[in-house]
């Protein structure tokens, strides 16, 4: 993949597409909520293992599911726009005949 001059000026967040940004946001949210939950629950031992595994599971789950939903929404919007464009082309060709 060739990078243009404008790509070099963008930071890493600006180079990401929308669904990936959504996935990263919700993964971070899931990790933060898990850490808060571990510290608030008196029965959960606060160890590196519980923090790591809890963060990994919640971050991956929230991130993956939200990324999949956002990707599906983008794909549906693209399909709808493509179908509307094809419909307009078909209407114009029907009118000219």
Foldseek 3Di string as FASTA:
>chain_A
DDDDPVNVVDDPVVPDDDLQVQLQVQLVVQLVVQVVVQVVDPVRDPDPVSSVVSSVVRSCVRSVVSSVVVVVVVVVVVVVVVVVVVVVVVVVVVVVD
